[in-house]
N, C-alpha and C. Protein backbone atom coordinates (compact mmCIF):
# COMPACT_ATOMS: atom_id res chain seq x y z
N MET A 1 18.36 -16.22 -55.36
CA MET A 1 16.95 -15.98 -55.54
C MET A 1 16.19 -17.30 -55.50
N THR A 2 15.11 -17.29 -54.77
CA THR A 2 14.27 -18.47 -54.62
C THR A 2 12.84 -18.09 -54.95
N VAL A 3 12.18 -18.95 -55.73
CA VAL A 3 10.77 -18.75 -56.05
C VAL A 3 10.01 -19.96 -55.53
N VAL A 4 8.98 -19.69 -54.72
CA VAL A 4 8.13 -20.75 -54.18
C VAL A 4 6.67 -20.36 -54.46
N ILE A 5 5.79 -21.33 -54.29
CA ILE A 5 4.36 -21.04 -54.44
C ILE A 5 3.65 -21.37 -53.13
N LYS A 6 2.52 -20.68 -52.93
CA LYS A 6 1.77 -20.86 -51.68
C LYS A 6 0.32 -20.47 -51.92
N ARG A 7 -0.58 -21.26 -51.35
CA ARG A 7 -2.01 -20.93 -51.45
C ARG A 7 -2.33 -19.65 -50.69
N ALA A 8 -3.25 -18.90 -51.22
CA ALA A 8 -3.68 -17.65 -50.60
C ALA A 8 -4.31 -17.89 -49.23
N TYR A 9 -4.76 -19.10 -48.98
CA TYR A 9 -5.46 -19.41 -47.73
C TYR A 9 -4.52 -19.92 -46.65
N GLU A 10 -3.24 -20.04 -46.97
CA GLU A 10 -2.24 -20.38 -45.97
C GLU A 10 -1.78 -19.09 -45.31
N GLU A 11 -1.34 -19.19 -44.08
CA GLU A 11 -0.89 -18.02 -43.33
C GLU A 11 0.33 -17.39 -43.99
N ALA A 12 0.29 -16.08 -44.14
CA ALA A 12 1.44 -15.34 -44.65
C ALA A 12 2.50 -15.30 -43.56
N LYS A 13 3.75 -15.51 -43.96
CA LYS A 13 4.86 -15.50 -43.00
C LYS A 13 5.98 -14.62 -43.53
N LYS A 14 6.77 -14.11 -42.63
CA LYS A 14 7.90 -13.25 -42.99
C LYS A 14 8.85 -14.00 -43.93
N GLU A 15 8.98 -15.31 -43.71
CA GLU A 15 9.89 -16.13 -44.52
C GLU A 15 9.45 -16.23 -45.98
N ASP A 16 8.22 -15.80 -46.28
CA ASP A 16 7.73 -15.86 -47.66
C ASP A 16 8.47 -14.89 -48.57
N GLY A 17 9.12 -13.90 -47.98
CA GLY A 17 9.77 -12.88 -48.80
C GLY A 17 8.72 -12.00 -49.45
N VAL A 18 8.97 -11.62 -50.69
CA VAL A 18 8.02 -10.78 -51.43
C VAL A 18 6.89 -11.68 -51.92
N ARG A 19 5.66 -11.32 -51.57
CA ARG A 19 4.49 -12.11 -51.95
C ARG A 19 3.79 -11.46 -53.14
N ILE A 20 3.60 -12.27 -54.20
CA ILE A 20 2.98 -11.76 -55.42
C ILE A 20 1.76 -12.61 -55.73
N LEU A 21 0.59 -11.99 -55.70
CA LEU A 21 -0.64 -12.67 -56.06
C LEU A 21 -0.69 -12.76 -57.58
N VAL A 22 -0.85 -13.99 -58.10
CA VAL A 22 -0.85 -14.20 -59.55
C VAL A 22 -2.21 -14.72 -60.03
N ASP A 23 -3.27 -14.29 -59.37
CA ASP A 23 -4.64 -14.59 -59.77
C ASP A 23 -5.28 -13.34 -60.35
N ARG A 24 -6.20 -13.53 -61.28
CA ARG A 24 -6.89 -12.39 -61.90
C ARG A 24 -7.93 -11.80 -60.95
N ILE A 25 -8.53 -12.65 -60.11
CA ILE A 25 -9.53 -12.17 -59.15
C ILE A 25 -9.02 -12.41 -57.73
N TRP A 26 -9.40 -11.51 -56.85
CA TRP A 26 -8.97 -11.58 -55.45
C TRP A 26 -9.53 -12.85 -54.81
N PRO A 27 -8.72 -13.56 -54.03
CA PRO A 27 -9.19 -14.79 -53.38
C PRO A 27 -10.38 -14.53 -52.46
N ARG A 28 -11.43 -15.26 -52.68
CA ARG A 28 -12.68 -15.12 -51.92
C ARG A 28 -12.41 -15.28 -50.42
N GLY A 29 -12.93 -14.33 -49.66
CA GLY A 29 -12.85 -14.42 -48.21
C GLY A 29 -11.53 -14.01 -47.59
N ARG A 30 -10.59 -13.53 -48.38
CA ARG A 30 -9.28 -13.12 -47.84
C ARG A 30 -9.19 -11.60 -47.84
N SER A 31 -8.87 -11.05 -46.70
CA SER A 31 -8.67 -9.60 -46.62
C SER A 31 -7.26 -9.25 -47.09
N LYS A 32 -7.05 -7.98 -47.38
CA LYS A 32 -5.71 -7.54 -47.77
C LYS A 32 -4.72 -7.78 -46.64
N GLU A 33 -5.18 -7.58 -45.43
CA GLU A 33 -4.32 -7.78 -44.26
C GLU A 33 -3.92 -9.24 -44.11
N ALA A 34 -4.85 -10.14 -44.34
CA ALA A 34 -4.56 -11.57 -44.20
C ALA A 34 -3.67 -12.06 -45.34
N LEU A 35 -3.91 -11.58 -46.53
CA LEU A 35 -3.14 -12.05 -47.69
C LEU A 35 -1.72 -11.49 -47.70
N GLN A 36 -1.57 -10.25 -47.30
CA GLN A 36 -0.27 -9.58 -47.25
C GLN A 36 0.50 -9.67 -48.56
N ALA A 37 -0.18 -9.40 -49.66
CA ALA A 37 0.48 -9.41 -50.97
C ALA A 37 1.23 -8.11 -51.18
N ASP A 38 2.47 -8.23 -51.60
CA ASP A 38 3.27 -7.04 -51.91
C ASP A 38 2.93 -6.52 -53.31
N HIS A 39 2.53 -7.44 -54.17
CA HIS A 39 2.15 -7.09 -55.55
C HIS A 39 0.96 -7.95 -55.95
N TRP A 40 0.13 -7.41 -56.82
CA TRP A 40 -0.96 -8.19 -57.41
C TRP A 40 -0.77 -8.08 -58.91
N MET A 41 -0.26 -9.13 -59.51
CA MET A 41 0.06 -9.13 -60.94
C MET A 41 -1.01 -9.91 -61.71
N LYS A 42 -2.17 -9.27 -61.86
CA LYS A 42 -3.31 -9.88 -62.56
C LYS A 42 -2.96 -10.28 -63.98
N GLU A 43 -2.05 -9.50 -64.59
CA GLU A 43 -1.69 -9.72 -65.99
C GLU A 43 -1.02 -11.08 -66.21
N LEU A 44 -0.47 -11.66 -65.14
CA LEU A 44 0.20 -12.95 -65.26
C LEU A 44 -0.75 -14.13 -65.08
N ALA A 45 -1.97 -13.85 -64.71
CA ALA A 45 -2.97 -14.90 -64.53
C ALA A 45 -3.50 -15.34 -65.88
N PRO A 46 -3.96 -16.59 -65.98
CA PRO A 46 -4.59 -17.02 -67.23
C PRO A 46 -5.80 -16.14 -67.56
N SER A 47 -6.07 -15.99 -68.83
CA SER A 47 -7.24 -15.22 -69.25
C SER A 47 -8.50 -15.88 -68.70
N PRO A 48 -9.58 -15.11 -68.57
CA PRO A 48 -10.83 -15.72 -68.10
C PRO A 48 -11.27 -16.91 -68.96
N GLY A 49 -11.09 -16.80 -70.26
CA GLY A 49 -11.47 -17.89 -71.14
C GLY A 49 -10.66 -19.15 -70.90
N LEU A 50 -9.35 -18.99 -70.74
CA LEU A 50 -8.49 -20.15 -70.48
C LEU A 50 -8.79 -20.75 -69.12
N ARG A 51 -8.99 -19.90 -68.14
CA ARG A 51 -9.29 -20.38 -66.78
C ARG A 51 -10.59 -21.19 -66.77
N LYS A 52 -11.61 -20.68 -67.45
CA LYS A 52 -12.89 -21.39 -67.49
C LYS A 52 -12.76 -22.69 -68.28
N TRP A 53 -12.04 -22.67 -69.40
CA TRP A 53 -11.85 -23.88 -70.20
C TRP A 53 -11.15 -24.96 -69.37
N PHE A 54 -10.09 -24.58 -68.66
CA PHE A 54 -9.32 -25.53 -67.86
C PHE A 54 -10.18 -26.09 -66.72
N GLY A 55 -10.82 -25.23 -65.98
CA GLY A 55 -11.69 -25.65 -64.88
C GLY A 55 -11.01 -26.57 -63.87
N HIS A 56 -9.69 -26.51 -63.80
CA HIS A 56 -8.89 -27.34 -62.89
C HIS A 56 -9.13 -28.83 -63.12
N ASP A 57 -9.38 -29.17 -64.37
CA ASP A 57 -9.55 -30.57 -64.77
C ASP A 57 -8.16 -31.17 -64.99
N PRO A 58 -7.74 -32.12 -64.15
CA PRO A 58 -6.40 -32.71 -64.30
C PRO A 58 -6.12 -33.25 -65.70
N ALA A 59 -7.13 -33.73 -66.39
CA ALA A 59 -6.95 -34.28 -67.73
C ALA A 59 -6.57 -33.20 -68.75
N LYS A 60 -6.87 -31.95 -68.44
CA LYS A 60 -6.57 -30.84 -69.35
C LYS A 60 -5.27 -30.11 -68.98
N PHE A 61 -4.60 -30.54 -67.93
CA PHE A 61 -3.48 -29.76 -67.41
C PHE A 61 -2.34 -29.58 -68.41
N GLU A 62 -1.93 -30.62 -69.10
CA GLU A 62 -0.82 -30.50 -70.05
C GLU A 62 -1.16 -29.50 -71.16
N GLU A 63 -2.38 -29.55 -71.66
CA GLU A 63 -2.80 -28.61 -72.69
C GLU A 63 -2.91 -27.19 -72.11
N PHE A 64 -3.35 -27.10 -70.85
CA PHE A 64 -3.41 -25.81 -70.17
C PHE A 64 -2.03 -25.17 -70.12
N ILE A 65 -1.02 -25.97 -69.81
CA ILE A 65 0.36 -25.45 -69.73
C ILE A 65 0.74 -24.80 -71.06
N GLU A 66 0.49 -25.49 -72.15
CA GLU A 66 0.86 -24.97 -73.47
C GLU A 66 0.09 -23.68 -73.80
N LYS A 67 -1.20 -23.66 -73.53
CA LYS A 67 -2.01 -22.47 -73.81
C LYS A 67 -1.60 -21.31 -72.91
N TYR A 68 -1.28 -21.60 -71.66
CA TYR A 68 -0.85 -20.57 -70.72
C TYR A 68 0.50 -19.99 -71.14
N LYS A 69 1.39 -20.84 -71.62
CA LYS A 69 2.69 -20.36 -72.12
C LYS A 69 2.50 -19.39 -73.27
N GLU A 70 1.55 -19.69 -74.14
CA GLU A 70 1.26 -18.80 -75.27
C GLU A 70 0.77 -17.44 -74.76
N GLU A 71 -0.11 -17.48 -73.76
CA GLU A 71 -0.61 -16.21 -73.20
C GLU A 71 0.52 -15.41 -72.55
N LEU A 72 1.40 -16.09 -71.85
CA LEU A 72 2.52 -15.40 -71.20
C LEU A 72 3.45 -14.79 -72.24
N ALA A 73 3.65 -15.48 -73.34
CA ALA A 73 4.52 -14.96 -74.41
C ALA A 73 3.96 -13.66 -74.97
N ASP A 74 2.65 -13.52 -74.95
CA ASP A 74 2.01 -12.30 -75.43
C ASP A 74 1.99 -11.19 -74.38
N ASN A 75 2.49 -11.49 -73.20
CA ASN A 75 2.47 -10.52 -72.10
C ASN A 75 3.88 -10.32 -71.56
N LYS A 76 4.79 -10.03 -72.47
CA LYS A 76 6.21 -9.90 -72.12
C LYS A 76 6.47 -8.83 -71.06
N GLU A 77 5.73 -7.74 -71.11
CA GLU A 77 5.95 -6.64 -70.16
C GLU A 77 5.74 -7.09 -68.72
N ALA A 78 4.64 -7.78 -68.45
CA ALA A 78 4.36 -8.26 -67.09
C ALA A 78 5.37 -9.32 -66.67
N LEU A 79 5.73 -10.19 -67.60
CA LEU A 79 6.70 -11.23 -67.30
C LEU A 79 8.06 -10.63 -66.98
N ASP A 80 8.45 -9.61 -67.73
CA ASP A 80 9.72 -8.92 -67.46
C ASP A 80 9.70 -8.24 -66.10
N GLU A 81 8.55 -7.69 -65.73
CA GLU A 81 8.43 -7.05 -64.41
C GLU A 81 8.61 -8.08 -63.30
N LEU A 82 8.00 -9.26 -63.48
CA LEU A 82 8.16 -10.34 -62.50
C LEU A 82 9.62 -10.77 -62.41
N LYS A 83 10.25 -10.96 -63.54
CA LYS A 83 11.66 -11.37 -63.54
C LYS A 83 12.55 -10.35 -62.84
N LYS A 84 12.23 -9.07 -63.02
CA LYS A 84 13.00 -8.00 -62.36
C LYS A 84 12.85 -8.11 -60.84
N ILE A 85 11.63 -8.32 -60.38
CA ILE A 85 11.39 -8.48 -58.94
C ILE A 85 12.16 -9.68 -58.41
N ILE A 86 12.10 -10.79 -59.13
CA ILE A 86 12.79 -12.01 -58.70
C ILE A 86 14.29 -11.79 -58.62
N LYS A 87 14.82 -11.08 -59.59
CA LYS A 87 16.26 -10.81 -59.63
C LYS A 87 16.70 -9.94 -58.45
N GLU A 88 15.83 -9.02 -58.03
CA GLU A 88 16.17 -8.07 -56.97
C GLU A 88 15.95 -8.62 -55.56
N GLU A 89 15.13 -9.65 -55.43
CA GLU A 89 14.74 -10.14 -54.12
C GLU A 89 15.38 -11.50 -53.81
N GLU A 90 15.59 -11.74 -52.53
CA GLU A 90 16.17 -13.01 -52.09
C GLU A 90 15.17 -14.15 -52.24
N LYS A 91 13.90 -13.87 -51.92
CA LYS A 91 12.87 -14.89 -52.01
C LYS A 91 11.56 -14.27 -52.47
N VAL A 92 10.89 -14.96 -53.40
CA VAL A 92 9.61 -14.52 -53.93
C VAL A 92 8.62 -15.67 -53.79
N THR A 93 7.44 -15.36 -53.28
CA THR A 93 6.38 -16.36 -53.16
C THR A 93 5.25 -15.97 -54.11
N LEU A 94 4.94 -16.87 -55.04
CA LEU A 94 3.82 -16.68 -55.95
C LEU A 94 2.58 -17.22 -55.24
N VAL A 95 1.61 -16.36 -55.04
CA VAL A 95 0.41 -16.70 -54.27
C VAL A 95 -0.74 -16.95 -55.23
N TYR A 96 -1.48 -18.04 -54.98
CA TYR A 96 -2.61 -18.43 -55.83
C TYR A 96 -3.74 -18.94 -54.95
N ALA A 97 -4.95 -19.00 -55.49
CA ALA A 97 -6.11 -19.42 -54.70
C ALA A 97 -6.60 -20.83 -55.01
N ALA A 98 -6.17 -21.42 -56.10
CA ALA A 98 -6.67 -22.74 -56.52
C ALA A 98 -6.51 -23.78 -55.42
N LYS A 99 -7.44 -24.73 -55.37
CA LYS A 99 -7.37 -25.80 -54.38
C LYS A 99 -6.30 -26.82 -54.73
N ASP A 100 -6.10 -27.06 -56.02
CA ASP A 100 -5.11 -28.04 -56.47
C ASP A 100 -3.73 -27.42 -56.35
N GLU A 101 -2.92 -27.97 -55.46
CA GLU A 101 -1.61 -27.39 -55.18
C GLU A 101 -0.55 -27.75 -56.22
N GLU A 102 -0.85 -28.70 -57.10
CA GLU A 102 0.12 -29.12 -58.11
C GLU A 102 -0.22 -28.63 -59.50
N ARG A 103 -1.50 -28.48 -59.79
CA ARG A 103 -1.94 -28.11 -61.14
C ARG A 103 -2.65 -26.76 -61.10
N ASN A 104 -1.85 -25.70 -61.13
CA ASN A 104 -2.38 -24.33 -61.12
C ASN A 104 -1.39 -23.42 -61.83
N GLN A 105 -1.81 -22.19 -62.10
CA GLN A 105 -0.96 -21.28 -62.85
C GLN A 105 0.32 -20.92 -62.12
N ALA A 106 0.31 -20.84 -60.80
CA ALA A 106 1.53 -20.50 -60.06
C ALA A 106 2.57 -21.60 -60.20
N ALA A 107 2.14 -22.85 -60.17
CA ALA A 107 3.07 -23.97 -60.35
C ALA A 107 3.68 -23.94 -61.75
N VAL A 108 2.85 -23.64 -62.74
CA VAL A 108 3.34 -23.55 -64.12
C VAL A 108 4.31 -22.38 -64.25
N LEU A 109 3.95 -21.25 -63.70
CA LEU A 109 4.79 -20.06 -63.76
C LEU A 109 6.14 -20.32 -63.10
N LYS A 110 6.14 -20.94 -61.95
CA LYS A 110 7.39 -21.26 -61.25
C LYS A 110 8.26 -22.17 -62.11
N LYS A 111 7.67 -23.18 -62.70
CA LYS A 111 8.41 -24.12 -63.56
C LYS A 111 8.99 -23.39 -64.77
N LEU A 112 8.19 -22.57 -65.41
CA LEU A 112 8.66 -21.85 -66.58
C LEU A 112 9.79 -20.88 -66.25
N LEU A 113 9.69 -20.23 -65.10
CA LEU A 113 10.76 -19.32 -64.67
C LEU A 113 12.06 -20.09 -64.44
N ALA A 114 11.94 -21.28 -63.85
CA ALA A 114 13.13 -22.11 -63.61
C ALA A 114 13.76 -22.55 -64.93
N GLU A 115 12.92 -22.70 -65.96
CA GLU A 115 13.41 -23.10 -67.29
C GLU A 115 13.93 -21.91 -68.09
N GLY A 116 13.78 -20.72 -67.53
CA GLY A 116 14.32 -19.52 -68.17
C GLY A 116 13.47 -18.91 -69.27
N ILE A 117 12.14 -19.00 -69.11
CA ILE A 117 11.27 -18.40 -70.13
C ILE A 117 11.53 -16.93 -70.29
């Protein structure tokens, strides 16, 4: 099983495997056909309050990780569903819309999954 992340604005490819959108809101300007998401797991996205607080400010990223982990811990059902999909599939791509390719919820989620959350 392999988990990778990819921006919603990059071309969807067959090699992506199962594509899971992990944003709470649909990526602006992307059609369902262009995004080709197999699942939309809004529940795994940061809460609106956390997302607004973070504002993709690099200085807040470490604190964002901790707060996001707390939110994920409170959403065990959605996390278990994601883990089940990952276990069943050869490759899973977590799709996100943020411009920052290193500091976003999909990157955090991928890291936490690798650590066995």
